Amino acid sequence: MSESPKAYLIAEIDVHDAADYEGYKAAAAPLIAKFGGRYLVRGGAADAIEGCDPKGRVILLEFPDAAAARAFLESDEYRPVAAIRHRSATSRIILSEGIAG
């Protein structure tokens, strides 16, 4: 039996209210961990090699599988935290399955 591929959430976040977004970061991090996720990339400089530059910061999260990532995104616990992100930033979130390495 083969193991489910890992899942990756790729987020492009253009923050409009930095103070409010700090509350999102503080609340999201423990929930990400609770659902088995971990940050691979956050807060660094991002430049487009081809195409348009990202709007704002780029975050890459790794989850054990797509079910865990979706459980995080759809959880009752995350819903009010996501509302902070929605009001303080414009986001583009992509869920991709795959392997690393």
PDB file of N, CA and C in Angstrom:
ATOM      1  N   MET A   1       0.841  -1.174   0.000  1.00  0.00           N
ATOM      2  CA  MET A   1       0.000   0.000   0.000  1.00  0.00           C
ATOM      3  C   MET A   1       0.892   1.245   0.000  1.00  0.00           C
ATOM      4  N   SER A   2       0.616   2.163  -0.925  1.00  0.00           N
ATOM      5  CA  SER A   2       1.466   3.352  -1.008  1.00  0.00           C
ATOM      6  C   SER A   2       0.972   4.443  -0.068  1.00  0.00           C
ATOM      7  N   GLU A   3       1.893   5.231   0.369  1.00  0.00           N
ATOM      8  CA  GLU A   3       1.608   6.322   1.284  1.00  0.00           C
ATOM      9  C   GLU A   3       1.036   7.503   0.499  1.00  0.00           C
ATOM     10  N   SER A   4       0.090   8.226   1.107  1.00  0.00           N
ATOM     11  CA  SER A   4      -0.463   9.420   0.476  1.00  0.00           C
ATOM     12  C   SER A   4       0.637  10.446   0.279  1.00  0.00           C
ATOM     13  N   PRO A   5       0.594  11.170  -0.853  1.00  0.00           N
ATOM     14  CA  PRO A   5       1.611  12.207  -1.037  1.00  0.00           C
ATOM     15  C   PRO A   5       1.406  13.353  -0.053  1.00  0.00           C
ATOM     16  N   LYS A   6       2.480  14.010   0.282  1.00  0.00           N
ATOM     17  CA  LYS A   6       2.383  15.199   1.124  1.00  0.00           C
ATOM     18  C   LYS A   6       1.588  16.257   0.372  1.00  0.00           C
ATOM     19  N   ALA A   7       1.086  17.219   1.124  1.00  0.00           N
ATOM     20  CA  ALA A   7       0.345  18.329   0.527  1.00  0.00           C
ATOM     21  C   ALA A   7       1.014  19.632   0.921  1.00  0.00           C
ATOM     22  N   TYR A   8       0.967  20.573   0.024  1.00  0.00           N
ATOM     23  CA  TYR A   8       1.609  21.865   0.227  1.00  0.00           C
ATOM     24  C   TYR A   8       0.596  22.979   0.002  1.00  0.00           C
ATOM     25  N   LEU A   9       0.537  23.893   0.948  1.00  0.00           N
ATOM     26  CA  LEU A   9      -0.253  25.106   0.770  1.00  0.00           C
ATOM     27  C   LEU A   9       0.723  26.209   0.412  1.00  0.00           C
ATOM     28  N   ILE A  10       0.506  26.820  -0.740  1.00  0.00           N
ATOM     29  CA  ILE A  10       1.315  27.924  -1.196  1.00  0.00           C
ATOM     30  C   ILE A  10       0.437  29.167  -1.089  1.00  0.00           C
ATOM     31  N   ALA A  11       0.887  30.142  -0.340  1.00  0.00           N
ATOM     32  CA  ALA A  11       0.084  31.346  -0.119  1.00  0.00           C
ATOM     33  C   ALA A  11       0.858  32.574  -0.562  1.00  0.00           C
ATOM     34  N   GLU A  12       0.178  33.431  -1.284  1.00  0.00           N
ATOM     35  CA  GLU A  12       0.698  34.746  -1.661  1.00  0.00           C
ATOM     36  C   GLU A  12      -0.187  35.739  -0.917  1.00  0.00           C
ATOM     37  N   ILE A  13       0.390  36.497  -0.012  1.00  0.00           N
ATOM     38  CA  ILE A  13      -0.406  37.340   0.881  1.00  0.00           C
ATOM     39  C   ILE A  13       0.077  38.787   0.807  1.00  0.00           C
ATOM     40  N   ASP A  14      -0.823  39.647   0.360  1.00  0.00           N
ATOM     41  CA  ASP A  14      -0.568  41.081   0.263  1.00  0.00           C
ATOM     42  C   ASP A  14      -1.230  41.741   1.472  1.00  0.00           C
ATOM     43  N   VAL A  15      -0.432  42.079   2.466  1.00  0.00           N
ATOM     44  CA  VAL A  15      -0.942  42.603   3.739  1.00  0.00           C
ATOM     45  C   VAL A  15      -1.277  44.090   3.603  1.00  0.00           C
ATOM     46  N   HIS A  16      -2.511  44.439   4.028  1.00  0.00           N
ATOM     47  CA  HIS A  16      -2.966  45.832   4.004  1.00  0.00           C
ATOM     48  C   HIS A  16      -2.973  46.450   5.402  1.00  0.00           C
ATOM     49  N   ASP A  17      -3.085  45.615   6.430  1.00  0.00           N
ATOM     50  CA  ASP A  17      -3.115  46.085   7.816  1.00  0.00           C
ATOM     51  C   ASP A  17      -2.148  45.215   8.622  1.00  0.00           C
ATOM     52  N   ALA A  18      -0.905  45.676   8.723  1.00  0.00           N
ATOM     53  CA  ALA A  18       0.153  44.871   9.340  1.00  0.00           C
ATOM     54  C   ALA A  18      -0.128  44.555  10.800  1.00  0.00           C
ATOM     55  N   ALA A  19      -0.680  45.495  11.543  1.00  0.00           N
ATOM     56  CA  ALA A  19      -0.956  45.254  12.965  1.00  0.00           C
ATOM     57  C   ALA A  19      -1.998  44.147  13.126  1.00  0.00           C
ATOM     58  N   ASP A  20      -3.062  44.203  12.355  1.00  0.00           N
ATOM     59  CA  ASP A  20      -4.107  43.180  12.418  1.00  0.00           C
ATOM     60  C   ASP A  20      -3.564  41.825  11.954  1.00  0.00           C
ATOM     61  N   TYR A  21      -2.725  41.835  10.925  1.00  0.00           N
ATOM     62  CA  TYR A  21      -2.170  40.596  10.394  1.00  0.00           C
ATOM     63  C   TYR A  21      -1.273  39.892  11.414  1.00  0.00           C
ATOM     64  N   GLU A  22      -0.641  40.652  12.300  1.00  0.00           N
ATOM     65  CA  GLU A  22       0.171  40.038  13.355  1.00  0.00           C
ATOM     66  C   GLU A  22      -0.694  39.109  14.218  1.00  0.00           C
ATOM     67  N   GLY A  23      -1.948  39.505  14.465  1.00  0.00           N
ATOM     68  CA  GLY A  23      -2.871  38.649  15.202  1.00  0.00           C
ATOM     69  C   GLY A  23      -3.163  37.364  14.457  1.00  0.00           C
ATOM     70  N   TYR A  24      -3.264  37.458  13.134  1.00  0.00           N
ATOM     71  CA  TYR A  24      -3.470  36.259  12.311  1.00  0.00           C
ATOM     72  C   TYR A  24      -2.280  35.313  12.446  1.00  0.00           C
ATOM     73  N   LYS A  25      -1.079  35.841  12.304  1.00  0.00           N
ATOM     74  CA  LYS A  25       0.108  34.998  12.381  1.00  0.00           C
ATOM     75  C   LYS A  25       0.192  34.277  13.716  1.00  0.00           C
ATOM     76  N   ALA A  26      -0.080  34.999  14.796  1.00  0.00           N
ATOM     77  CA  ALA A  26       0.005  34.409  16.137  1.00  0.00           C
ATOM     78  C   ALA A  26      -1.033  33.311  16.332  1.00  0.00           C
ATOM     79  N   ALA A  27      -2.221  33.500  15.794  1.00  0.00           N
ATOM     80  CA  ALA A  27      -3.289  32.509  15.960  1.00  0.00           C
ATOM     81  C   ALA A  27      -3.163  31.342  14.984  1.00  0.00           C
ATOM     82  N   ALA A  28      -2.650  31.588  13.779  1.00  0.00           N
ATOM     83  CA  ALA A  28      -2.577  30.533  12.762  1.00  0.00           C
ATOM     84  C   ALA A  28      -1.489  29.510  13.062  1.00  0.00           C
ATOM     85  N   ALA A  29      -0.338  29.949  13.546  1.00  0.00           N
ATOM     86  CA  ALA A  29       0.803  29.042  13.729  1.00  0.00           C
ATOM     87  C   ALA A  29       0.486  27.815  14.581  1.00  0.00           C
ATOM     88  N   PRO A  30      -0.145  27.962  15.762  1.00  0.00           N
ATOM     89  CA  PRO A  30      -0.429  26.758  16.544  1.00  0.00           C
ATOM     90  C   PRO A  30      -1.478  25.849  15.889  1.00  0.00           C
ATOM     91  N   LEU A  31      -2.387  26.431  15.124  1.00  0.00           N
ATOM     92  CA  LEU A  31      -3.390  25.604  14.428  1.00  0.00           C
ATOM     93  C   LEU A  31      -2.750  24.826  13.289  1.00  0.00           C
ATOM     94  N   ILE A  32      -1.841  25.458  12.590  1.00  0.00           N
ATOM     95  CA  ILE A  32      -1.122  24.755  11.522  1.00  0.00           C
ATOM     96  C   ILE A  32      -0.421  23.536  12.110  1.00  0.00           C
ATOM     97  N   ALA A  33       0.265  23.720  13.221  1.00  0.00           N
ATOM     98  CA  ALA A  33       0.959  22.607  13.877  1.00  0.00           C
ATOM     99  C   ALA A  33      -0.023  21.545  14.368  1.00  0.00           C
ATOM    100  N   LYS A  34      -1.152  21.973  14.913  1.00  0.00           N
ATOM    101  CA  LYS A  34      -2.148  21.030  15.425  1.00  0.00           C
ATOM    102  C   LYS A  34      -2.633  20.083  14.337  1.00  0.00           C
ATOM    103  N   PHE A  35      -2.734  20.574  13.106  1.00  0.00           N
ATOM    104  CA  PHE A  35      -3.206  19.758  11.994  1.00  0.00           C
ATOM    105  C   PHE A  35      -2.068  19.089  11.229  1.00  0.00           C
ATOM    106  N   GLY A  36      -0.874  19.077  11.838  1.00  0.00           N
ATOM    107  CA  GLY A  36       0.256  18.362  11.255  1.00  0.00           C
ATOM    108  C   GLY A  36       1.053  19.156  10.246  1.00  0.00           C
ATOM    109  N   GLY A  37       0.779  20.457  10.137  1.00  0.00           N
ATOM    110  CA  GLY A  37       1.489  21.282   9.169  1.00  0.00           C
ATOM    111  C   GLY A  37       2.740  21.899   9.749  1.00  0.00           C
ATOM    112  N   ARG A  38       3.598  22.329   8.853  1.00  0.00           N
ATOM    113  CA  ARG A  38       4.797  23.044   9.266  1.00  0.00           C
ATOM    114  C   ARG A  38       5.190  24.028   8.175  1.00  0.00           C
ATOM    115  N   TYR A  39       5.762  25.143   8.633  1.00  0.00           N
ATOM    116  CA  TYR A  39       6.240  26.157   7.700  1.00  0.00           C
ATOM    117  C   TYR A  39       7.526  25.673   7.042  1.00  0.00           C
ATOM    118  N   LEU A  40       7.599  25.790   5.720  1.00  0.00           N
ATOM    119  CA  LEU A  40       8.843  25.561   4.993  1.00  0.00           C
ATOM    120  C   LEU A  40       9.436  26.894   4.542  1.00  0.00           C
ATOM    121  N   VAL A  41       8.562  27.842   4.211  1.00  0.00           N
ATOM    122  CA  VAL A  41       8.985  29.168   3.753  1.00  0.00           C
ATOM    123  C   VAL A  41       8.033  30.188   4.341  1.00  0.00           C
ATOM    124  N   ARG A  42       8.591  31.269   4.905  1.00  0.00           N
ATOM    125  CA  ARG A  42       7.779  32.413   5.312  1.00  0.00           C
ATOM    126  C   ARG A  42       8.687  33.599   5.597  1.00  0.00           C
ATOM    127  N   GLY A  43       8.228  34.756   5.182  1.00  0.00           N
ATOM    128  CA  GLY A  43       8.884  35.988   5.558  1.00  0.00           C
ATOM    129  C   GLY A  43      10.124  36.387   4.787  1.00  0.00           C
ATOM    130  N   GLY A  44      10.590  35.581   3.864  1.00  0.00           N
ATOM    131  CA  GLY A  44      11.793  35.937   3.113  1.00  0.00           C
ATOM    132  C   GLY A  44      11.457  36.708   1.845  1.00  0.00           C
ATOM    133  N   ALA A  45      12.494  37.237   1.224  1.00  0.00           N
ATOM    134  CA  ALA A  45      12.313  37.944  -0.040  1.00  0.00           C
ATOM    135  C   ALA A  45      11.914  36.946  -1.121  1.00  0.00           C
ATOM    136  N   ALA A  46      11.025  37.373  -2.020  1.00  0.00           N
ATOM    137  CA  ALA A  46      10.581  36.526  -3.123  1.00  0.00           C
ATOM    138  C   ALA A  46      10.620  37.340  -4.407  1.00  0.00           C
ATOM    139  N   ASP A  47      11.318  36.824  -5.406  1.00  0.00           N
ATOM    140  CA  ASP A  47      11.409  37.464  -6.712  1.00  0.00           C
ATOM    141  C   ASP A  47      10.953  36.478  -7.774  1.00  0.00           C
ATOM    142  N   ALA A  48      10.175  36.968  -8.724  1.00  0.00           N
ATOM    143  CA  ALA A  48       9.760  36.124  -9.838  1.00  0.00           C
ATOM    144  C   ALA A  48      10.921  36.002 -10.818  1.00  0.00           C
ATOM    145  N   ILE A  49      11.241  34.806 -11.188  1.00  0.00           N
ATOM    146  CA  ILE A  49      12.251  34.566 -12.209  1.00  0.00           C
ATOM    147  C   ILE A  49      11.589  34.655 -13.585  1.00  0.00           C
ATOM    148  N   GLU A  50      10.353  34.188 -13.677  1.00  0.00           N
ATOM    149  CA  GLU A  50       9.529  34.339 -14.875  1.00  0.00           C
ATOM    150  C   GLU A  50       8.151  34.777 -14.428  1.00  0.00           C
ATOM    151  N   GLY A  51       7.482  35.578 -15.215  1.00  0.00           N
ATOM    152  CA  GLY A  51       6.136  36.027 -14.872  1.00  0.00           C
ATOM    153  C   GLY A  51       6.156  37.201 -13.904  1.00  0.00           C
ATOM    154  N   CYS A  52       4.995  37.445 -13.312  1.00  0.00           N
ATOM    155  CA  CYS A  52       4.806  38.592 -12.424  1.00  0.00           C
ATOM    156  C   CYS A  52       5.390  38.322 -11.039  1.00  0.00           C
ATOM    157  N   ASP A  53       5.916  39.379 -10.420  1.00  0.00           N
ATOM    158  CA  ASP A  53       6.376  39.268  -9.035  1.00  0.00           C
ATOM    159  C   ASP A  53       5.190  38.947  -8.130  1.00  0.00           C
ATOM    160  N   PRO A  54       5.428  38.205  -7.064  1.00  0.00           N
ATOM    161  CA  PRO A  54       4.340  37.950  -6.112  1.00  0.00           C
ATOM    162  C   PRO A  54       3.898  39.253  -5.460  1.00  0.00           C
ATOM    163  N   LYS A  55       2.618  39.324  -5.160  1.00  0.00           N
ATOM    164  CA  LYS A  55       2.075  40.485  -4.454  1.00  0.00           C
ATOM    165  C   LYS A  55       2.176  40.191  -2.966  1.00  0.00           C
ATOM    166  N   GLY A  56       3.180  40.749  -2.328  1.00  0.00           N
ATOM    167  CA  GLY A  56       3.340  40.545  -0.900  1.00  0.00           C
ATOM    168  C   GLY A  56       4.220  39.364  -0.576  1.00  0.00           C
ATOM    169  N   ARG A  57       3.957  38.775   0.586  1.00  0.00           N
ATOM    170  CA  ARG A  57       4.786  37.688   1.093  1.00  0.00           C
ATOM    171  C   ARG A  57       4.341  36.344   0.521  1.00  0.00           C
ATOM    172  N   VAL A  58       5.279  35.393   0.483  1.00  0.00           N
ATOM    173  CA  VAL A  58       5.000  34.040   0.026  1.00  0.00           C
ATOM    174  C   VAL A  58       5.235  33.097   1.198  1.00  0.00           C
ATOM    175  N   ILE A  59       4.266  32.214   1.420  1.00  0.00           N
ATOM    176  CA  ILE A  59       4.352  31.232   2.503  1.00  0.00           C
ATOM    177  C   ILE A  59       4.168  29.851   1.888  1.00  0.00           C
ATOM    178  N   LEU A  60       4.956  28.893   2.327  1.00  0.00           N
ATOM    179  CA  LEU A  60       4.825  27.512   1.892  1.00  0.00           C
ATOM    180  C   LEU A  60       4.693  26.650   3.135  1.00  0.00           C
ATOM    181  N   LEU A  61       3.570  25.940   3.221  1.00  0.00           N
ATOM    182  CA  LEU A  61       3.304  25.029   4.336  1.00  0.00           C
ATOM    183  C   LEU A  61       3.287  23.603   3.824  1.00  0.00           C
ATOM    184  N   GLU A  62       3.812  22.682   4.620  1.00  0.00           N
ATOM    185  CA  GLU A  62       3.768  21.262   4.290  1.00  0.00           C
ATOM    186  C   GLU A  62       2.839  20.563   5.276  1.00  0.00           C
ATOM    187  N   PHE A  63       1.943  19.714   4.756  1.00  0.00           N
ATOM    188  CA  PHE A  63       1.050  18.889   5.566  1.00  0.00           C
ATOM    189  C   PHE A  63       1.274  17.429   5.205  1.00  0.00           C
ATOM    190  N   PRO A  64       0.924  16.520   6.113  1.00  0.00           N
ATOM    191  CA  PRO A  64       1.138  15.094   5.834  1.00  0.00           C
ATOM    192  C   PRO A  64       0.434  14.629   4.560  1.00  0.00           C
ATOM    193  N   ASP A  65      -0.731  15.199   4.274  1.00  0.00           N
ATOM    194  CA  ASP A  65      -1.488  14.856   3.076  1.00  0.00           C
ATOM    195  C   ASP A  65      -2.556  15.924   2.841  1.00  0.00           C
ATOM    196  N   ALA A  66      -3.262  15.821   1.711  1.00  0.00           N
ATOM    197  CA  ALA A  66      -4.273  16.822   1.368  1.00  0.00           C
ATOM    198  C   ALA A  66      -5.424  16.829   2.375  1.00  0.00           C
ATOM    199  N   ALA A  67      -5.756  15.671   2.915  1.00  0.00           N
ATOM    200  CA  ALA A  67      -6.849  15.609   3.892  1.00  0.00           C
ATOM    201  C   ALA A  67      -6.517  16.444   5.129  1.00  0.00           C
ATOM    202  N   ALA A  68      -5.273  16.395   5.581  1.00  0.00           N
ATOM    203  CA  ALA A  68      -4.864  17.189   6.752  1.00  0.00           C
ATOM    204  C   ALA A  68      -4.901  18.679   6.428  1.00  0.00           C
ATOM    205  N   ALA A  69      -4.446  19.051   5.240  1.00  0.00           N
ATOM    206  CA  ALA A  69      -4.473  20.462   4.840  1.00  0.00           C
ATOM    207  C   ALA A  69      -5.906  20.973   4.763  1.00  0.00           C
ATOM    208  N   ARG A  70      -6.784  20.185   4.171  1.00  0.00           N
ATOM    209  CA  ARG A  70      -8.186  20.597   4.067  1.00  0.00           C
ATOM    210  C   ARG A  70      -8.859  20.631   5.442  1.00  0.00           C
ATOM    211  N   ALA A  71      -8.503  19.697   6.305  1.00  0.00           N
ATOM    212  CA  ALA A  71      -9.062  19.696   7.660  1.00  0.00           C
ATOM    213  C   ALA A  71      -8.687  20.988   8.381  1.00  0.00           C
ATOM    214  N   PHE A  72      -7.443  21.435   8.208  1.00  0.00           N
ATOM    215  CA  PHE A  72      -7.007  22.710   8.779  1.00  0.00           C
ATOM    216  C   PHE A  72      -7.824  23.861   8.199  1.00  0.00           C
ATOM    217  N   LEU A  73      -7.862  23.949   6.879  1.00  0.00           N
ATOM    218  CA  LEU A  73      -8.537  25.068   6.211  1.00  0.00           C
ATOM    219  C   LEU A  73     -10.025  25.135   6.522  1.00  0.00           C
ATOM    220  N   GLU A  74     -10.661  23.983   6.699  1.00  0.00           N
ATOM    221  CA  GLU A  74     -12.109  23.918   6.884  1.00  0.00           C
ATOM    222  C   GLU A  74     -12.529  23.787   8.348  1.00  0.00           C
ATOM    223  N   SER A  75     -11.578  23.824   9.263  1.00  0.00           N
ATOM    224  CA  SER A  75     -11.894  23.608  10.675  1.00  0.00           C
ATOM    225  C   SER A  75     -12.635  24.794  11.282  1.00  0.00           C
ATOM    226  N   ASP A  76     -13.465  24.482  12.264  1.00  0.00           N
ATOM    227  CA  ASP A  76     -14.165  25.534  13.010  1.00  0.00           C
ATOM    228  C   ASP A  76     -13.170  26.430  13.744  1.00  0.00           C
ATOM    229  N   GLU A  77     -12.037  25.868  14.143  1.00  0.00           N
ATOM    230  CA  GLU A  77     -11.021  26.639  14.860  1.00  0.00           C
ATOM    231  C   GLU A  77     -10.346  27.672  13.956  1.00  0.00           C
ATOM    232  N   TYR A  78     -10.144  27.305  12.680  1.00  0.00           N
ATOM    233  CA  TYR A  78      -9.448  28.203  11.768  1.00  0.00           C
ATOM    234  C   TYR A  78     -10.365  29.281  11.187  1.00  0.00           C
ATOM    235  N   ARG A  79     -11.635  29.007  11.112  1.00  0.00           N
ATOM    236  CA  ARG A  79     -12.575  29.950  10.476  1.00  0.00           C
ATOM    237  C   ARG A  79     -12.432  31.383  11.010  1.00  0.00           C
ATOM    238  N   PRO A  80     -12.467  31.623  12.334  1.00  0.00           N
ATOM    239  CA  PRO A  80     -12.318  33.002  12.811  1.00  0.00           C
ATOM    240  C   PRO A  80     -10.909  33.562  12.589  1.00  0.00           C
ATOM    241  N   VAL A  81      -9.917  32.693  12.537  1.00  0.00           N
ATOM    242  CA  VAL A  81      -8.549  33.131  12.266  1.00  0.00           C
ATOM    243  C   VAL A  81      -8.434  33.556  10.800  1.00  0.00           C
ATOM    244  N   ALA A  82      -9.023  32.784   9.907  1.00  0.00           N
ATOM    245  CA  ALA A  82      -9.028  33.142   8.486  1.00  0.00           C
ATOM    246  C   ALA A  82      -9.717  34.483   8.272  1.00  0.00           C
ATOM    247  N   ALA A  83     -10.738  34.770   9.073  1.00  0.00           N
ATOM    248  CA  ALA A  83     -11.441  36.051   8.956  1.00  0.00           C
ATOM    249  C   ALA A  83     -10.494  37.222   9.227  1.00  0.00           C
ATOM    250  N   ILE A  84      -9.540  37.041  10.126  1.00  0.00           N
ATOM    251  CA  ILE A  84      -8.537  38.089  10.375  1.00  0.00           C
ATOM    252  C   ILE A  84      -7.712  38.308   9.112  1.00  0.00           C
ATOM    253  N   ARG A  85      -7.281  37.207   8.491  1.00  0.00           N
ATOM    254  CA  ARG A  85      -6.489  37.317   7.253  1.00  0.00           C
ATOM    255  C   ARG A  85      -7.308  37.991   6.161  1.00  0.00           C
ATOM    256  N   HIS A  86      -8.566  37.610   6.039  1.00  0.00           N
ATOM    257  CA  HIS A  86      -9.420  38.184   4.992  1.00  0.00           C
ATOM    258  C   HIS A  86      -9.582  39.696   5.144  1.00  0.00           C
ATOM    259  N   ARG A  87      -9.647  40.182   6.371  1.00  0.00           N
ATOM    260  CA  ARG A  87      -9.838  41.631   6.553  1.00  0.00           C
ATOM    261  C   ARG A  87      -8.525  42.410   6.529  1.00  0.00           C
ATOM    262  N   SER A  88      -7.398  41.749   6.768  1.00  0.00           N
ATOM    263  CA  SER A  88      -6.123  42.462   6.847  1.00  0.00           C
ATOM    264  C   SER A  88      -5.233  42.274   5.626  1.00  0.00           C
ATOM    265  N   ALA A  89      -5.639  41.387   4.693  1.00  0.00           N
ATOM    266  CA  ALA A  89      -4.786  41.091   3.549  1.00  0.00           C
ATOM    267  C   ALA A  89      -5.621  40.555   2.392  1.00  0.00           C
ATOM    268  N   THR A  90      -5.031  40.600   1.217  1.00  0.00           N
ATOM    269  CA  THR A  90      -5.585  39.925   0.039  1.00  0.00           C
ATOM    270  C   THR A  90      -4.713  38.705  -0.188  1.00  0.00           C
ATOM    271  N   SER A  91      -5.350  37.545  -0.324  1.00  0.00           N
ATOM    272  CA  SER A  91      -4.585  36.300  -0.387  1.00  0.00           C
ATOM    273  C   SER A  91      -4.923  35.482  -1.619  1.00  0.00           C
ATOM    274  N   ARG A  92      -3.954  34.708  -2.032  1.00  0.00           N
ATOM    275  CA  ARG A  92      -4.154  33.654  -3.031  1.00  0.00           C
ATOM    276  C   ARG A  92      -3.556  32.409  -2.407  1.00  0.00           C
ATOM    277  N   ILE A  93      -4.373  31.355  -2.249  1.00  0.00           N
ATOM    278  CA  ILE A  93      -3.949  30.123  -1.588  1.00  0.00           C
ATOM    279  C   ILE A  93      -4.080  28.973  -2.590  1.00  0.00           C
ATOM    280  N   ILE A  94      -3.035  28.194  -2.712  1.00  0.00           N
ATOM    281  CA  ILE A  94      -3.025  27.058  -3.630  1.00  0.00           C
ATOM    282  C   ILE A  94      -2.703  25.799  -2.821  1.00  0.00           C
ATOM    283  N   LEU A  95      -3.465  24.739  -3.042  1.00  0.00           N
ATOM    284  CA  LEU A  95      -3.197  23.437  -2.420  1.00  0.00           C
ATOM    285  C   LEU A  95      -2.659  22.522  -3.511  1.00  0.00           C
ATOM    286  N   SER A  96      -1.492  21.949  -3.276  1.00  0.00           N
ATOM    287  CA  SER A  96      -0.878  21.052  -4.249  1.00  0.00           C
ATOM    288  C   SER A  96      -0.358  19.807  -3.549  1.00  0.00           C
ATOM    289  N   GLU A  97      -0.650  18.647  -4.128  1.00  0.00           N
ATOM    290  CA  GLU A  97      -0.060  17.414  -3.624  1.00  0.00           C
ATOM    291  C   GLU A  97       1.266  17.201  -4.337  1.00  0.00           C
ATOM    292  N   GLY A  98       2.160  16.481  -3.692  1.00  0.00           N
ATOM    293  CA  GLY A  98       3.430  16.200  -4.325  1.00  0.00           C
ATOM    294  C   GLY A  98       4.422  15.585  -3.374  1.00  0.00           C
ATOM    295  N   ILE A  99       5.622  15.452  -3.853  1.00  0.00           N
ATOM    296  CA  ILE A  99       6.710  14.933  -3.039  1.00  0.00           C
ATOM    297  C   ILE A  99       7.801  15.967  -2.985  1.00  0.00           C
ATOM    298  N   ALA A 100       8.514  15.990  -1.907  1.00  0.00           N
ATOM    299  CA  ALA A 100       9.674  16.872  -1.781  1.00  0.00           C
ATOM    300  C   ALA A 100      10.920  16.026  -1.862  1.00  0.00           C
ATOM    301  N   GLY A 101      11.879  16.485  -2.591  1.00  0.00           N
ATOM    302  CA  GLY A 101      13.146  15.787  -2.661  1.00  0.00           C
ATOM    303  C   GLY A 101      13.293  14.850  -3.812  1.00  0.00           C
TER     304      GLY A 101
END
